[in-house]
Amino acid sequence: SFGLLKYAGTEEDRTALAAATPSAVVFNYLGQFDGSFTAQTGWRPAAGSAGQALDPQAALTHALTINARIYDGALTMSISYSGARHREATVQALLHACMAELEALIAHCTSGATGATPSDFPLASLTQAELDALPIPASAIEDLYPLSPMQAGMLFHTLYAPGGSAYLNQLRIDIDDLD
């Protein structure tokens, strides 16, 4: 409710946002806190628990709320849920499954595996198959961009009429005194 549509969207966007049903799960990545607490700032996190953020009797807006942050070089995740809706063992199993997936992802990324995914080039709007079919290795690609309107037009005419003259320029220059 405090996102971009609330402030920069149209009235229609805001109406749709207000009418939308909240998702069952919300994930909040709170950021990297390592740079926030230095000797120069004079601030540091409290050693003890801050206590409950909400009254246990308060209605939850989401069935599960997952908060994650990085502090002191470690990823910390916490989950809020209703004990009336979920058993603790079920939530613990979910957290263990998330941890196992994160560990597998870290192992894969640090194993020397190379390649690229569509999320590495969000502007290009390519599928994984299209990315894999590119005629150059992924390690040689710094970034991919969509075609400009002019490039799209040139590509269209080239594919529509191979060998056509839509973008053929001819130039003649007479040189009289060549030394």
N, C-alpha and C. Protein backbone atom coordinates (compact mmCIF):
# COMPACT_ATOMS: atom_id res chain seq x y z
N SER A 1 0.81 -1.21 0.00
CA SER A 1 0.00 0.00 0.00
C SER A 1 0.85 1.27 0.00
N PHE A 2 2.17 1.12 0.16
CA PHE A 2 3.03 2.30 0.11
C PHE A 2 3.94 2.26 -1.11
N GLY A 3 3.55 1.48 -2.11
CA GLY A 3 4.38 1.30 -3.28
C GLY A 3 4.21 2.41 -4.30
N LEU A 4 4.83 2.19 -5.44
CA LEU A 4 4.87 3.16 -6.51
C LEU A 4 3.48 3.55 -7.01
N LEU A 5 2.58 2.58 -7.16
CA LEU A 5 1.25 2.89 -7.69
C LEU A 5 0.50 3.87 -6.80
N LYS A 6 0.76 3.83 -5.50
CA LYS A 6 0.05 4.72 -4.60
C LYS A 6 0.39 6.18 -4.87
N TYR A 7 1.63 6.44 -5.26
CA TYR A 7 2.08 7.82 -5.42
C TYR A 7 2.25 8.24 -6.88
N ALA A 8 2.59 7.31 -7.76
CA ALA A 8 2.88 7.69 -9.14
C ALA A 8 1.88 7.13 -10.14
N GLY A 9 1.01 6.25 -9.71
CA GLY A 9 0.06 5.64 -10.63
C GLY A 9 -1.13 6.55 -10.89
N THR A 10 -1.99 6.07 -11.77
CA THR A 10 -3.20 6.81 -12.10
C THR A 10 -4.26 6.55 -11.03
N GLU A 11 -5.34 7.28 -11.10
CA GLU A 11 -6.44 7.06 -10.17
C GLU A 11 -7.01 5.64 -10.34
N GLU A 12 -7.03 5.17 -11.59
CA GLU A 12 -7.48 3.81 -11.88
C GLU A 12 -6.56 2.79 -11.19
N ASP A 13 -5.25 3.03 -11.22
CA ASP A 13 -4.29 2.14 -10.55
C ASP A 13 -4.57 2.11 -9.05
N ARG A 14 -4.78 3.29 -8.47
CA ARG A 14 -5.01 3.35 -7.02
C ARG A 14 -6.31 2.66 -6.63
N THR A 15 -7.34 2.79 -7.48
CA THR A 15 -8.62 2.12 -7.21
C THR A 15 -8.44 0.61 -7.26
N ALA A 16 -7.72 0.14 -8.27
CA ALA A 16 -7.46 -1.30 -8.39
C ALA A 16 -6.63 -1.80 -7.21
N LEU A 17 -5.67 -1.00 -6.78
CA LEU A 17 -4.83 -1.38 -5.64
C LEU A 17 -5.66 -1.48 -4.37
N ALA A 18 -6.56 -0.53 -4.17
CA ALA A 18 -7.40 -0.55 -2.96
C ALA A 18 -8.34 -1.75 -2.96
N ALA A 19 -8.79 -2.18 -4.15
CA ALA A 19 -9.73 -3.30 -4.24
C ALA A 19 -9.04 -4.66 -4.22
N ALA A 20 -7.73 -4.67 -4.40
CA ALA A 20 -7.01 -5.94 -4.49
C ALA A 20 -7.02 -6.69 -3.16
N THR A 21 -7.10 -7.99 -3.25
CA THR A 21 -7.03 -8.84 -2.07
C THR A 21 -5.56 -9.03 -1.71
N PRO A 22 -5.21 -8.83 -0.44
CA PRO A 22 -3.79 -9.04 -0.07
C PRO A 22 -3.36 -10.48 -0.35
N SER A 23 -2.11 -10.63 -0.73
CA SER A 23 -1.59 -11.97 -0.99
C SER A 23 -1.49 -12.74 0.33
N ALA A 24 -1.45 -14.05 0.23
CA ALA A 24 -1.36 -14.88 1.43
C ALA A 24 0.02 -14.78 2.06
N VAL A 25 1.06 -14.54 1.22
CA VAL A 25 2.43 -14.47 1.72
C VAL A 25 3.03 -13.15 1.30
N VAL A 26 3.69 -12.50 2.24
CA VAL A 26 4.43 -11.27 1.91
C VAL A 26 5.88 -11.50 2.32
N PHE A 27 6.79 -11.08 1.42
CA PHE A 27 8.22 -11.21 1.68
C PHE A 27 8.81 -9.82 1.70
N ASN A 28 9.41 -9.45 2.82
CA ASN A 28 10.05 -8.15 2.96
C ASN A 28 11.55 -8.34 3.08
N TYR A 29 12.28 -7.88 2.06
CA TYR A 29 13.74 -7.86 2.18
C TYR A 29 14.09 -6.48 2.70
N LEU A 30 14.57 -6.40 3.91
CA LEU A 30 14.81 -5.13 4.57
C LEU A 30 16.15 -4.51 4.23
N GLY A 31 17.01 -5.26 3.55
CA GLY A 31 18.27 -4.70 3.08
C GLY A 31 19.47 -5.20 3.85
N GLN A 32 20.59 -4.56 3.50
CA GLN A 32 21.86 -4.91 4.11
C GLN A 32 22.14 -3.89 5.21
N PHE A 33 22.18 -4.35 6.43
CA PHE A 33 22.34 -3.46 7.57
C PHE A 33 23.80 -3.26 7.95
N ASP A 34 24.72 -3.97 7.32
CA ASP A 34 26.13 -3.90 7.71
C ASP A 34 26.67 -2.48 7.68
N GLY A 35 26.35 -1.70 6.65
CA GLY A 35 26.87 -0.34 6.54
C GLY A 35 26.16 0.66 7.41
N SER A 36 25.04 0.26 8.01
CA SER A 36 24.25 1.19 8.81
C SER A 36 24.79 1.37 10.22
N PHE A 37 25.54 0.40 10.69
CA PHE A 37 26.01 0.44 12.07
C PHE A 37 27.53 0.39 12.09
N THR A 38 28.13 1.54 12.11
CA THR A 38 29.60 1.64 12.14
C THR A 38 30.00 2.47 13.35
N ALA A 39 31.29 2.50 13.61
CA ALA A 39 31.78 3.31 14.73
C ALA A 39 31.44 4.78 14.51
N GLN A 40 31.40 5.22 13.26
CA GLN A 40 31.12 6.63 12.98
C GLN A 40 29.66 7.00 13.26
N THR A 41 28.73 6.05 13.06
CA THR A 41 27.32 6.39 13.27
C THR A 41 26.95 6.40 14.75
N GLY A 42 27.66 5.60 15.53
CA GLY A 42 27.34 5.53 16.96
C GLY A 42 26.13 4.67 17.25
N TRP A 43 25.53 4.10 16.24
CA TRP A 43 24.36 3.26 16.42
C TRP A 43 24.75 1.79 16.30
N ARG A 44 24.04 0.95 17.00
CA ARG A 44 24.20 -0.49 16.86
C ARG A 44 22.89 -1.14 17.28
N PRO A 45 22.61 -2.33 16.76
CA PRO A 45 21.36 -3.01 17.14
C PRO A 45 21.39 -3.40 18.62
N ALA A 46 20.23 -3.41 19.21
CA ALA A 46 20.11 -3.84 20.60
C ALA A 46 20.45 -5.32 20.70
N ALA A 47 21.08 -5.71 21.77
CA ALA A 47 21.49 -7.10 21.95
C ALA A 47 20.29 -8.00 22.23
N GLY A 48 19.30 -7.49 22.92
CA GLY A 48 18.14 -8.31 23.29
C GLY A 48 17.03 -8.22 22.27
N SER A 49 15.98 -8.94 22.54
CA SER A 49 14.81 -8.94 21.67
C SER A 49 14.04 -7.64 21.83
N ALA A 50 13.47 -7.17 20.74
CA ALA A 50 12.64 -5.98 20.79
C ALA A 50 11.23 -6.32 21.24
N GLY A 51 10.94 -7.59 21.39
CA GLY A 51 9.60 -8.01 21.79
C GLY A 51 8.71 -8.18 20.58
N GLN A 52 7.45 -8.40 20.83
CA GLN A 52 6.50 -8.63 19.74
C GLN A 52 6.17 -7.31 19.05
N ALA A 53 6.18 -7.34 17.73
CA ALA A 53 5.87 -6.14 16.95
C ALA A 53 4.37 -5.87 16.93
N LEU A 54 3.57 -6.91 17.04
CA LEU A 54 2.11 -6.78 17.00
C LEU A 54 1.49 -7.50 18.18
N ASP A 55 0.31 -7.06 18.54
CA ASP A 55 -0.47 -7.75 19.55
C ASP A 55 -0.82 -9.13 19.00
N PRO A 56 -0.58 -10.20 19.77
CA PRO A 56 -0.89 -11.54 19.27
C PRO A 56 -2.36 -11.71 18.87
N GLN A 57 -3.24 -10.89 19.39
CA GLN A 57 -4.67 -10.98 19.06
C GLN A 57 -5.04 -10.18 17.82
N ALA A 58 -4.11 -9.39 17.29
CA ALA A 58 -4.40 -8.55 16.12
C ALA A 58 -4.57 -9.42 14.88
N ALA A 59 -5.47 -9.00 14.02
CA ALA A 59 -5.69 -9.72 12.76
C ALA A 59 -4.49 -9.51 11.84
N LEU A 60 -4.05 -10.57 11.22
CA LEU A 60 -2.91 -10.49 10.31
C LEU A 60 -3.40 -10.16 8.91
N THR A 61 -2.65 -9.31 8.20
CA THR A 61 -3.04 -8.97 6.83
C THR A 61 -2.58 -10.04 5.84
N HIS A 62 -1.64 -10.88 6.25
CA HIS A 62 -1.12 -11.96 5.40
C HIS A 62 -1.02 -13.23 6.25
N ALA A 63 -1.24 -14.37 5.62
CA ALA A 63 -1.13 -15.63 6.35
C ALA A 63 0.30 -15.87 6.84
N LEU A 64 1.28 -15.49 6.00
CA LEU A 64 2.69 -15.61 6.36
C LEU A 64 3.40 -14.31 6.00
N THR A 65 4.21 -13.81 6.91
CA THR A 65 5.04 -12.64 6.65
C THR A 65 6.48 -13.06 6.88
N ILE A 66 7.28 -12.97 5.83
CA ILE A 66 8.69 -13.35 5.92
C ILE A 66 9.53 -12.09 5.80
N ASN A 67 10.33 -11.82 6.80
CA ASN A 67 11.25 -10.68 6.80
C ASN A 67 12.68 -11.20 6.72
N ALA A 68 13.46 -10.58 5.85
CA ALA A 68 14.85 -10.99 5.70
C ALA A 68 15.74 -9.76 5.70
N ARG A 69 16.94 -9.91 6.23
CA ARG A 69 17.92 -8.84 6.25
C ARG A 69 19.31 -9.45 6.30
N ILE A 70 20.28 -8.64 5.95
CA ILE A 70 21.67 -9.06 6.08
C ILE A 70 22.32 -8.16 7.11
N TYR A 71 22.89 -8.77 8.11
CA TYR A 71 23.62 -8.03 9.15
C TYR A 71 24.82 -8.84 9.57
N ASP A 72 25.93 -8.18 9.69
CA ASP A 72 27.17 -8.81 10.10
C ASP A 72 27.53 -9.97 9.15
N GLY A 73 27.22 -9.75 7.86
CA GLY A 73 27.57 -10.73 6.83
C GLY A 73 26.68 -11.95 6.78
N ALA A 74 25.60 -11.98 7.55
CA ALA A 74 24.74 -13.16 7.57
C ALA A 74 23.30 -12.79 7.21
N LEU A 75 22.66 -13.67 6.45
CA LEU A 75 21.25 -13.50 6.12
C LEU A 75 20.42 -14.02 7.27
N THR A 76 19.50 -13.20 7.73
CA THR A 76 18.59 -13.59 8.80
C THR A 76 17.18 -13.50 8.28
N MET A 77 16.40 -14.55 8.51
CA MET A 77 14.99 -14.54 8.11
C MET A 77 14.13 -14.85 9.32
N SER A 78 13.01 -14.15 9.39
CA SER A 78 12.03 -14.45 10.43
C SER A 78 10.67 -14.57 9.76
N ILE A 79 9.79 -15.31 10.39
CA ILE A 79 8.48 -15.52 9.80
C ILE A 79 7.42 -15.28 10.87
N SER A 80 6.38 -14.56 10.48
CA SER A 80 5.25 -14.32 11.37
C SER A 80 4.05 -15.07 10.79
N TYR A 81 3.29 -15.69 11.69
CA TYR A 81 2.15 -16.48 11.25
C TYR A 81 1.16 -16.61 12.39
N SER A 82 -0.02 -17.05 12.08
CA SER A 82 -1.04 -17.27 13.08
C SER A 82 -0.98 -18.71 13.56
N GLY A 83 -0.84 -18.89 14.86
CA GLY A 83 -0.85 -20.22 15.44
C GLY A 83 -2.19 -20.92 15.27
N ALA A 84 -3.25 -20.13 15.05
CA ALA A 84 -4.57 -20.72 14.83
C ALA A 84 -4.68 -21.30 13.42
N ARG A 85 -3.85 -20.82 12.51
CA ARG A 85 -3.92 -21.26 11.12
C ARG A 85 -2.82 -22.28 10.78
N HIS A 86 -1.64 -22.12 11.34
CA HIS A 86 -0.50 -22.98 11.00
C HIS A 86 0.10 -23.57 12.26
N ARG A 87 0.55 -24.82 12.14
CA ARG A 87 1.26 -25.46 13.24
C ARG A 87 2.72 -25.02 13.20
N GLU A 88 3.36 -24.93 14.34
CA GLU A 88 4.76 -24.54 14.41
C GLU A 88 5.64 -25.49 13.61
N ALA A 89 5.34 -26.79 13.67
CA ALA A 89 6.14 -27.78 12.94
C ALA A 89 6.06 -27.53 11.43
N THR A 90 4.91 -27.11 10.93
CA THR A 90 4.75 -26.83 9.50
C THR A 90 5.58 -25.62 9.11
N VAL A 91 5.56 -24.58 9.93
CA VAL A 91 6.34 -23.37 9.64
C VAL A 91 7.83 -23.69 9.73
N GLN A 92 8.24 -24.50 10.71
CA GLN A 92 9.63 -24.90 10.83
C GLN A 92 10.07 -25.69 9.58
N ALA A 93 9.21 -26.56 9.09
CA ALA A 93 9.52 -27.33 7.87
C ALA A 93 9.68 -26.39 6.68
N LEU A 94 8.84 -25.37 6.60
CA LEU A 94 8.96 -24.37 5.53
C LEU A 94 10.29 -23.65 5.62
N LEU A 95 10.67 -23.23 6.82
CA LEU A 95 11.94 -22.53 7.00
C LEU A 95 13.12 -23.43 6.66
N HIS A 96 13.07 -24.69 7.05
CA HIS A 96 14.15 -25.63 6.72
C HIS A 96 14.24 -25.86 5.21
N ALA A 97 13.08 -25.93 4.54
CA ALA A 97 13.08 -26.10 3.08
C ALA A 97 13.67 -24.86 2.40
N CYS A 98 13.32 -23.67 2.90
CA CYS A 98 13.91 -22.43 2.36
C CYS A 98 15.41 -22.42 2.56
N MET A 99 15.85 -22.82 3.72
CA MET A 99 17.29 -22.85 4.01
C MET A 99 18.01 -23.84 3.09
N ALA A 100 17.41 -24.99 2.88
CA ALA A 100 18.01 -26.00 2.00
C ALA A 100 18.11 -25.46 0.57
N GLU A 101 17.08 -24.77 0.09
CA GLU A 101 17.11 -24.20 -1.26
C GLU A 101 18.17 -23.10 -1.36
N LEU A 102 18.27 -22.26 -0.35
CA LEU A 102 19.30 -21.21 -0.36
C LEU A 102 20.70 -21.81 -0.36
N GLU A 103 20.91 -22.86 0.46
CA GLU A 103 22.22 -23.51 0.49
C GLU A 103 22.54 -24.15 -0.86
N ALA A 104 21.54 -24.75 -1.51
CA ALA A 104 21.76 -25.34 -2.84
C ALA A 104 22.08 -24.26 -3.86
N LEU A 105 21.40 -23.13 -3.77
CA LEU A 105 21.67 -22.01 -4.68
C LEU A 105 23.08 -21.47 -4.47
N ILE A 106 23.48 -21.31 -3.22
CA ILE A 106 24.84 -20.83 -2.92
C ILE A 106 25.87 -21.83 -3.42
N ALA A 107 25.63 -23.12 -3.20
CA ALA A 107 26.57 -24.14 -3.67
C ALA A 107 26.70 -24.10 -5.19
N HIS A 108 25.58 -23.93 -5.88
CA HIS A 108 25.61 -23.85 -7.34
C HIS A 108 26.38 -22.62 -7.81
N CYS A 109 26.10 -21.48 -7.19
CA CYS A 109 26.73 -20.22 -7.62
C CYS A 109 28.22 -20.18 -7.31
N THR A 110 28.65 -20.90 -6.30
CA THR A 110 30.07 -20.89 -5.94
C THR A 110 30.82 -22.11 -6.50
N SER A 111 30.14 -22.93 -7.29
CA SER A 111 30.77 -24.14 -7.83
C SER A 111 31.56 -23.88 -9.11
N GLY A 112 31.51 -22.66 -9.58
CA GLY A 112 32.18 -22.36 -10.84
C GLY A 112 31.24 -22.44 -12.03
N ALA A 113 29.98 -22.72 -11.78
CA ALA A 113 29.00 -22.78 -12.87
C ALA A 113 28.89 -21.40 -13.52
N THR A 114 28.76 -21.39 -14.82
CA THR A 114 28.62 -20.13 -15.53
C THR A 114 27.36 -20.18 -16.36
N GLY A 115 26.97 -19.05 -16.83
CA GLY A 115 25.77 -18.95 -17.66
C GLY A 115 25.03 -17.69 -17.32
N ALA A 116 23.94 -17.50 -17.97
CA ALA A 116 23.12 -16.30 -17.75
C ALA A 116 21.66 -16.71 -17.75
N THR A 117 20.85 -15.94 -17.08
CA THR A 117 19.42 -16.15 -17.05
C THR A 117 18.74 -14.88 -17.55
N PRO A 118 17.49 -14.95 -17.94
CA PRO A 118 16.79 -13.75 -18.40
C PRO A 118 16.81 -12.61 -17.38
N SER A 119 16.87 -12.93 -16.10
CA SER A 119 16.89 -11.87 -15.09
C SER A 119 18.20 -11.09 -15.11
N ASP A 120 19.25 -11.64 -15.74
CA ASP A 120 20.50 -10.91 -15.87
C ASP A 120 20.38 -9.78 -16.88
N PHE A 121 19.39 -9.86 -17.77
CA PHE A 121 19.20 -8.87 -18.83
C PHE A 121 17.73 -8.48 -18.90
N PRO A 122 17.21 -7.80 -17.90
CA PRO A 122 15.77 -7.55 -17.83
C PRO A 122 15.20 -6.70 -18.97
N LEU A 123 16.02 -5.85 -19.57
CA LEU A 123 15.51 -4.99 -20.64
C LEU A 123 15.29 -5.74 -21.94
N ALA A 124 15.99 -6.85 -22.12
CA ALA A 124 15.93 -7.57 -23.39
C ALA A 124 14.68 -8.43 -23.55
N SER A 125 14.04 -8.80 -22.47
CA SER A 125 12.82 -9.62 -22.50
C SER A 125 13.02 -10.92 -23.28
N LEU A 126 14.13 -11.61 -23.03
CA LEU A 126 14.40 -12.88 -23.68
C LEU A 126 13.99 -14.04 -22.78
N THR A 127 13.62 -15.15 -23.39
CA THR A 127 13.39 -16.37 -22.62
C THR A 127 14.73 -17.06 -22.43
N GLN A 128 14.76 -18.07 -21.57
CA GLN A 128 16.00 -18.81 -21.36
C GLN A 128 16.44 -19.49 -22.66
N ALA A 129 15.48 -20.04 -23.41
CA ALA A 129 15.83 -20.72 -24.67
C ALA A 129 16.44 -19.72 -25.67
N GLU A 130 15.89 -18.53 -25.74
CA GLU A 130 16.43 -17.52 -26.66
C GLU A 130 17.82 -17.08 -26.22
N LEU A 131 18.01 -16.95 -24.92
CA LEU A 131 19.32 -16.57 -24.40
C LEU A 131 20.35 -17.66 -24.68
N ASP A 132 19.96 -18.91 -24.48
CA ASP A 132 20.87 -20.04 -24.74
C ASP A 132 21.21 -20.16 -26.22
N ALA A 133 20.32 -19.69 -27.10
CA ALA A 133 20.54 -19.82 -28.55
C ALA A 133 21.41 -18.70 -29.12
N LEU A 134 21.80 -17.73 -28.32
CA LEU A 134 22.64 -16.65 -28.84
C LEU A 134 23.96 -17.23 -29.34
N PRO A 135 24.50 -16.69 -30.42
CA PRO A 135 25.69 -17.28 -31.03
C PRO A 135 27.01 -16.92 -30.35
N ILE A 136 26.97 -16.35 -29.16
CA ILE A 136 28.19 -16.02 -28.43
C ILE A 136 28.06 -16.55 -27.01
N PRO A 137 29.18 -16.85 -26.36
CA PRO A 137 29.10 -17.37 -24.99
C PRO A 137 28.59 -16.30 -24.01
N ALA A 138 27.88 -16.75 -23.00
CA ALA A 138 27.31 -15.83 -22.02
C ALA A 138 28.39 -14.99 -21.34
N SER A 139 29.57 -15.55 -21.17
CA SER A 139 30.65 -14.81 -20.50
C SER A 139 31.11 -13.61 -21.32
N ALA A 140 30.81 -13.60 -22.62
CA ALA A 140 31.21 -12.48 -23.48
C ALA A 140 30.14 -11.39 -23.54
N ILE A 141 29.01 -11.62 -22.90
CA ILE A 141 27.91 -10.65 -22.94
C ILE A 141 27.97 -9.76 -21.71
N GLU A 142 28.09 -8.47 -21.94
CA GLU A 142 28.08 -7.53 -20.82
C GLU A 142 26.64 -7.13 -20.50
N ASP A 143 25.85 -6.83 -21.53
CA ASP A 143 24.45 -6.47 -21.34
C ASP A 143 23.71 -6.65 -22.65
N LEU A 144 22.41 -6.79 -22.58
CA LEU A 144 21.56 -6.89 -23.76
C LEU A 144 20.46 -5.86 -23.65
N TYR A 145 20.17 -5.21 -24.77
CA TYR A 145 19.15 -4.18 -24.79
C TYR A 145 18.14 -4.50 -25.88
N PRO A 146 16.91 -4.04 -25.73
CA PRO A 146 15.94 -4.23 -26.80
C PRO A 146 16.30 -3.35 -28.00
N LEU A 147 15.76 -3.70 -29.15
CA LEU A 147 16.00 -2.89 -30.34
C LEU A 147 15.35 -1.53 -30.19
N SER A 148 16.01 -0.52 -30.73
CA SER A 148 15.38 0.80 -30.80
C SER A 148 14.30 0.72 -31.88
N PRO A 149 13.37 1.66 -31.93
CA PRO A 149 12.36 1.62 -33.00
C PRO A 149 13.00 1.60 -34.40
N MET A 150 14.06 2.35 -34.61
CA MET A 150 14.72 2.35 -35.91
C MET A 150 15.31 0.98 -36.22
N GLN A 151 15.97 0.36 -35.24
CA GLN A 151 16.54 -0.97 -35.45
C GLN A 151 15.45 -1.99 -35.72
N ALA A 152 14.33 -1.88 -35.00
CA ALA A 152 13.21 -2.82 -35.21
C ALA A 152 12.68 -2.69 -36.64
N GLY A 153 12.59 -1.47 -37.13
CA GLY A 153 12.13 -1.26 -38.51
C GLY A 153 13.11 -1.84 -39.51
N MET A 154 14.40 -1.65 -39.27
CA MET A 154 15.41 -2.20 -40.18
C MET A 154 15.37 -3.72 -40.18
N LEU A 155 15.22 -4.31 -38.99
CA LEU A 155 15.14 -5.77 -38.91
C LEU A 155 13.90 -6.27 -39.63
N PHE A 156 12.76 -5.61 -39.45
CA PHE A 156 11.53 -6.01 -40.13
C PHE A 156 11.73 -6.03 -41.64
N HIS A 157 12.25 -4.94 -42.20
CA HIS A 157 12.42 -4.86 -43.65
C HIS A 157 13.44 -5.88 -44.15
N THR A 158 14.47 -6.15 -43.37
CA THR A 158 15.47 -7.13 -43.78
C THR A 158 14.88 -8.54 -43.80
N LEU A 159 14.05 -8.86 -42.81
CA LEU A 159 13.43 -10.18 -42.76
C LEU A 159 12.28 -10.30 -43.77
N TYR A 160 11.57 -9.19 -43.99
CA TYR A 160 10.43 -9.19 -44.90
C TYR A 160 10.89 -9.34 -46.35
N ALA A 161 11.95 -8.64 -46.69
CA ALA A 161 12.46 -8.68 -48.07
C ALA A 161 13.98 -8.78 -48.04
N PRO A 162 14.51 -10.00 -47.80
CA PRO A 162 15.97 -10.15 -47.78
C PRO A 162 16.57 -9.66 -49.10
N GLY A 163 17.62 -8.88 -49.01
CA GLY A 163 18.25 -8.33 -50.20
C GLY A 163 17.53 -7.12 -50.74
N GLY A 164 16.47 -6.68 -50.06
CA GLY A 164 15.72 -5.50 -50.51
C GLY A 164 16.55 -4.24 -50.37
N SER A 165 15.97 -3.14 -50.84
CA SER A 165 16.73 -1.89 -50.85
C SER A 165 16.16 -0.83 -49.92
N ALA A 166 15.34 -1.23 -48.97
CA ALA A 166 14.71 -0.24 -48.10
C ALA A 166 15.74 0.58 -47.34
N TYR A 167 16.85 -0.02 -46.96
CA TYR A 167 17.86 0.72 -46.21
C TYR A 167 19.19 0.73 -46.95
N LEU A 168 19.13 0.73 -48.27
CA LEU A 168 20.34 0.78 -49.08
C LEU A 168 20.63 2.22 -49.44
N ASN A 169 21.79 2.68 -49.09
CA ASN A 169 22.21 4.04 -49.44
C ASN A 169 23.32 3.96 -50.46
N GLN A 170 23.23 4.79 -51.46
CA GLN A 170 24.30 4.89 -52.44
C GLN A 170 24.79 6.32 -52.44
N LEU A 171 26.10 6.48 -52.53
CA LEU A 171 26.71 7.80 -52.50
C LEU A 171 27.75 7.87 -53.59
N ARG A 172 27.72 8.94 -54.35
CA ARG A 172 28.73 9.14 -55.40
C ARG A 172 29.44 10.45 -55.12
N ILE A 173 30.75 10.37 -55.13
CA ILE A 173 31.57 11.55 -54.91
C ILE A 173 32.56 11.67 -56.03
N ASP A 174 32.58 12.81 -56.69
CA ASP A 174 33.58 13.09 -57.73
C ASP A 174 34.77 13.77 -57.08
N ILE A 175 35.96 13.21 -57.32
CA ILE A 175 37.18 13.81 -56.80
C ILE A 175 37.97 14.29 -58.00
N ASP A 176 38.18 15.61 -58.08
CA ASP A 176 38.86 16.19 -59.24
C ASP A 176 40.37 16.27 -59.03
N ASP A 177 40.80 16.81 -57.94
CA ASP A 177 42.24 16.98 -57.69
C ASP A 177 42.67 16.05 -56.59
N LEU A 178 43.25 14.93 -56.95
CA LEU A 178 43.74 13.99 -55.97
C LEU A 178 45.25 14.03 -55.99
N ASP A 179 45.87 14.40 -54.89
CA ASP A 179 47.32 14.52 -54.84
C ASP A 179 47.86 13.35 -54.02
